[in-house]
N, C-alpha and C. Protein backbone atom coordinates (compact mmCIF):
# COMPACT_ATOMS: atom_id res chain seq x y z
N UNK A 1 0.81 -1.18 0.00
CA UNK A 1 0.00 0.00 0.00
C UNK A 1 0.86 1.26 0.00
N UNK A 2 2.01 1.19 0.64
CA UNK A 2 2.90 2.34 0.69
C UNK A 2 3.38 2.70 -0.72
N UNK A 3 3.61 1.68 -1.53
CA UNK A 3 4.04 1.91 -2.91
C UNK A 3 2.96 2.65 -3.70
N UNK A 4 1.72 2.27 -3.50
CA UNK A 4 0.61 2.92 -4.21
C UNK A 4 0.46 4.37 -3.77
N UNK A 5 0.65 4.61 -2.47
CA UNK A 5 0.55 5.97 -1.96
C UNK A 5 1.62 6.87 -2.57
N UNK A 6 2.85 6.39 -2.62
CA UNK A 6 3.94 7.18 -3.19
C UNK A 6 3.72 7.40 -4.68
N UNK A 7 3.27 6.38 -5.38
CA UNK A 7 3.00 6.52 -6.81
C UNK A 7 1.88 7.53 -7.07
N UNK A 8 0.84 7.50 -6.24
CA UNK A 8 -0.25 8.46 -6.37
C UNK A 8 0.26 9.88 -6.12
N UNK A 9 1.11 10.05 -5.13
CA UNK A 9 1.68 11.36 -4.84
C UNK A 9 2.50 11.87 -6.02
N UNK A 10 3.32 11.02 -6.59
CA UNK A 10 4.14 11.42 -7.75
C UNK A 10 3.28 11.75 -8.97
N UNK A 11 2.24 10.99 -9.18
CA UNK A 11 1.33 11.29 -10.30
C UNK A 11 0.65 12.64 -10.10
N UNK A 12 0.22 12.92 -8.87
CA UNK A 12 -0.41 14.21 -8.60
C UNK A 12 0.56 15.36 -8.84
N UNK A 13 1.78 15.22 -8.36
CA UNK A 13 2.79 16.27 -8.57
C UNK A 13 3.09 16.46 -10.06
N UNK A 14 3.16 15.36 -10.79
CA UNK A 14 3.42 15.45 -12.22
C UNK A 14 2.29 16.14 -12.97
N UNK A 15 1.06 15.83 -12.60
CA UNK A 15 -0.09 16.46 -13.25
C UNK A 15 -0.10 17.95 -12.96
N UNK A 16 0.14 18.32 -11.72
CA UNK A 16 0.16 19.75 -11.35
C UNK A 16 1.27 20.48 -12.11
N UNK A 17 2.45 19.88 -12.16
CA UNK A 17 3.57 20.51 -12.86
C UNK A 17 3.27 20.68 -14.35
N UNK A 18 2.68 19.67 -14.96
CA UNK A 18 2.39 19.75 -16.39
C UNK A 18 1.28 20.76 -16.69
N UNK A 19 0.30 20.87 -15.80
CA UNK A 19 -0.75 21.88 -16.01
C UNK A 19 -0.14 23.28 -15.91
N UNK A 20 0.71 23.48 -14.92
CA UNK A 20 1.37 24.79 -14.79
C UNK A 20 2.27 25.07 -15.98
N UNK A 21 2.96 24.06 -16.48
CA UNK A 21 3.82 24.23 -17.66
C UNK A 21 2.98 24.55 -18.88
N UNK A 22 1.83 23.91 -19.01
CA UNK A 22 0.95 24.18 -20.13
C UNK A 22 0.42 25.60 -20.12
N UNK A 23 0.06 26.08 -18.95
CA UNK A 23 -0.43 27.45 -18.83
C UNK A 23 0.69 28.44 -19.19
N UNK A 24 1.89 28.19 -18.69
CA UNK A 24 3.02 29.08 -18.99
C UNK A 24 3.36 29.04 -20.48
N UNK A 25 3.29 27.86 -21.09
CA UNK A 25 3.58 27.73 -22.52
C UNK A 25 2.52 28.45 -23.35
N UNK A 26 1.28 28.38 -22.93
CA UNK A 26 0.20 29.07 -23.65
C UNK A 26 0.38 30.58 -23.58
N UNK A 27 0.73 31.07 -22.40
CA UNK A 27 0.93 32.51 -22.23
C UNK A 27 2.11 33.02 -23.04
N UNK A 28 3.15 32.20 -23.17
CA UNK A 28 4.33 32.64 -23.93
C UNK A 28 4.18 32.36 -25.43
N UNK A 29 3.15 31.63 -25.81
CA UNK A 29 2.90 31.36 -27.23
C UNK A 29 3.68 30.18 -27.78
N UNK A 30 4.25 29.35 -26.92
CA UNK A 30 5.01 28.19 -27.35
C UNK A 30 4.07 26.99 -27.44
N UNK A 31 3.55 26.75 -28.63
CA UNK A 31 2.52 25.72 -28.81
C UNK A 31 3.10 24.30 -28.78
N UNK A 32 4.38 24.13 -29.09
CA UNK A 32 4.99 22.80 -29.03
C UNK A 32 5.03 22.31 -27.59
N UNK A 33 5.49 23.15 -26.69
CA UNK A 33 5.54 22.77 -25.28
C UNK A 33 4.14 22.57 -24.73
N UNK A 34 3.20 23.39 -25.17
CA UNK A 34 1.81 23.24 -24.75
C UNK A 34 1.26 21.88 -25.17
N UNK A 35 1.52 21.48 -26.40
CA UNK A 35 1.06 20.18 -26.88
C UNK A 35 1.67 19.02 -26.12
N UNK A 36 2.96 19.12 -25.84
CA UNK A 36 3.65 18.07 -25.07
C UNK A 36 3.08 18.01 -23.66
N UNK A 37 2.85 19.16 -23.05
CA UNK A 37 2.31 19.20 -21.69
C UNK A 37 0.91 18.59 -21.65
N UNK A 38 0.09 18.89 -22.63
CA UNK A 38 -1.26 18.32 -22.66
C UNK A 38 -1.20 16.81 -22.86
N UNK A 39 -0.35 16.36 -23.77
CA UNK A 39 -0.24 14.92 -24.04
C UNK A 39 0.24 14.17 -22.80
N UNK A 40 1.25 14.69 -22.13
CA UNK A 40 1.76 14.01 -20.94
C UNK A 40 0.75 14.08 -19.79
N UNK A 41 0.00 15.17 -19.71
CA UNK A 41 -1.03 15.27 -18.67
C UNK A 41 -2.10 14.21 -18.87
N UNK A 42 -2.49 13.98 -20.11
CA UNK A 42 -3.50 12.95 -20.40
C UNK A 42 -2.97 11.57 -20.01
N UNK A 43 -1.70 11.31 -20.31
CA UNK A 43 -1.11 10.01 -19.95
C UNK A 43 -1.08 9.84 -18.43
N UNK A 44 -0.67 10.88 -17.71
CA UNK A 44 -0.60 10.77 -16.25
C UNK A 44 -1.99 10.63 -15.63
N UNK A 45 -2.98 11.30 -16.17
CA UNK A 45 -4.34 11.16 -15.66
C UNK A 45 -4.85 9.74 -15.91
N UNK A 46 -4.54 9.19 -17.07
CA UNK A 46 -4.92 7.80 -17.36
C UNK A 46 -4.26 6.84 -16.36
N UNK A 47 -2.96 7.05 -16.10
CA UNK A 47 -2.27 6.18 -15.15
C UNK A 47 -2.84 6.32 -13.74
N UNK A 48 -3.26 7.51 -13.38
CA UNK A 48 -3.87 7.72 -12.07
C UNK A 48 -5.19 6.98 -11.96
N UNK A 49 -6.01 7.01 -13.00
CA UNK A 49 -7.28 6.30 -13.00
C UNK A 49 -7.05 4.79 -12.88
N UNK A 50 -6.07 4.28 -13.62
CA UNK A 50 -5.75 2.85 -13.55
C UNK A 50 -5.27 2.48 -12.14
N UNK A 51 -4.45 3.33 -11.54
CA UNK A 51 -3.97 3.07 -10.18
C UNK A 51 -5.13 3.06 -9.19
N UNK A 52 -6.04 4.00 -9.30
CA UNK A 52 -7.18 4.04 -8.38
C UNK A 52 -8.07 2.82 -8.54
N UNK A 53 -8.28 2.36 -9.76
CA UNK A 53 -9.07 1.15 -9.98
C UNK A 53 -8.37 -0.07 -9.37
N UNK A 54 -7.05 -0.13 -9.51
CA UNK A 54 -6.28 -1.25 -8.97
C UNK A 54 -6.36 -1.26 -7.44
N UNK A 55 -6.20 -0.11 -6.81
CA UNK A 55 -6.26 -0.03 -5.36
C UNK A 55 -7.66 -0.38 -4.86
N UNK A 56 -8.69 0.09 -5.55
CA UNK A 56 -10.07 -0.22 -5.15
C UNK A 56 -10.33 -1.72 -5.23
N UNK A 57 -9.89 -2.36 -6.31
CA UNK A 57 -10.07 -3.80 -6.45
C UNK A 57 -9.30 -4.56 -5.37
N UNK A 58 -8.13 -4.09 -5.04
CA UNK A 58 -7.33 -4.75 -4.01
C UNK A 58 -7.99 -4.62 -2.63
N UNK A 59 -8.53 -3.46 -2.33
CA UNK A 59 -9.22 -3.27 -1.05
C UNK A 59 -10.47 -4.14 -0.96
N UNK A 60 -11.21 -4.23 -2.03
CA UNK A 60 -12.41 -5.08 -2.04
C UNK A 60 -12.02 -6.54 -1.82
N UNK A 61 -10.95 -6.97 -2.48
CA UNK A 61 -10.49 -8.35 -2.32
C UNK A 61 -10.06 -8.62 -0.88
N UNK A 62 -9.36 -7.68 -0.26
CA UNK A 62 -8.93 -7.87 1.13
C UNK A 62 -10.13 -7.90 2.08
N UNK A 63 -11.13 -7.07 1.83
CA UNK A 63 -12.32 -7.06 2.67
C UNK A 63 -13.08 -8.38 2.55
N UNK A 64 -13.15 -8.92 1.35
CA UNK A 64 -13.83 -10.21 1.16
C UNK A 64 -13.08 -11.33 1.87
N UNK A 65 -11.75 -11.29 1.84
CA UNK A 65 -10.96 -12.30 2.54
C UNK A 65 -11.18 -12.21 4.04
N UNK A 66 -11.25 -10.98 4.57
CA UNK A 66 -11.47 -10.81 6.00
C UNK A 66 -12.86 -11.29 6.40
N UNK A 67 -13.86 -11.06 5.57
CA UNK A 67 -15.21 -11.52 5.88
C UNK A 67 -15.29 -13.04 5.88
N UNK A 68 -14.54 -13.69 5.01
CA UNK A 68 -14.55 -15.15 4.95
C UNK A 68 -13.90 -15.75 6.20
N UNK A 69 -12.85 -15.11 6.70
CA UNK A 69 -12.15 -15.66 7.86
C UNK A 69 -12.85 -15.33 9.18
N UNK A 70 -13.66 -14.28 9.22
CA UNK A 70 -14.31 -13.85 10.46
C UNK A 70 -15.82 -14.08 10.44
N UNK A 71 -16.26 -15.19 9.88
CA UNK A 71 -17.68 -15.50 9.87
C UNK A 71 -18.13 -15.86 11.30
N UNK A 72 -19.19 -15.23 11.77
CA UNK A 72 -19.67 -15.57 13.13
C UNK A 72 -20.33 -16.95 13.13
N UNK A 73 -20.10 -17.69 14.19
CA UNK A 73 -20.69 -19.02 14.32
C UNK A 73 -22.00 -18.90 15.09
N UNK A 74 -23.01 -19.54 14.58
CA UNK A 74 -24.32 -19.52 15.23
C UNK A 74 -24.33 -20.55 16.36
N UNK A 75 -24.71 -20.07 17.53
CA UNK A 75 -24.79 -20.96 18.70
C UNK A 75 -26.25 -21.37 18.90
N UNK A 76 -26.46 -22.63 19.06
CA UNK A 76 -27.81 -23.12 19.31
C UNK A 76 -27.97 -23.32 20.80
N UNK A 77 -29.14 -22.95 21.29
CA UNK A 77 -29.40 -23.24 22.68
C UNK A 77 -29.75 -22.12 23.50
């Protein structure tokens, strides 16, 4: 889980940096840098969505395993 947290943090920082770079490139009129920043931002957002789906599936799997091991026993009497 620590690996996923660090990866999520790096993806967030990368997205923020690329958005800021895109805005600066637009203001200066450098369309090549703007295009590269937009393309890389889309890739990082896609990777973030994939990471979130992976973490969600992993958490659901762990919760199901815990429910299977902690089933309450019915006592008769």
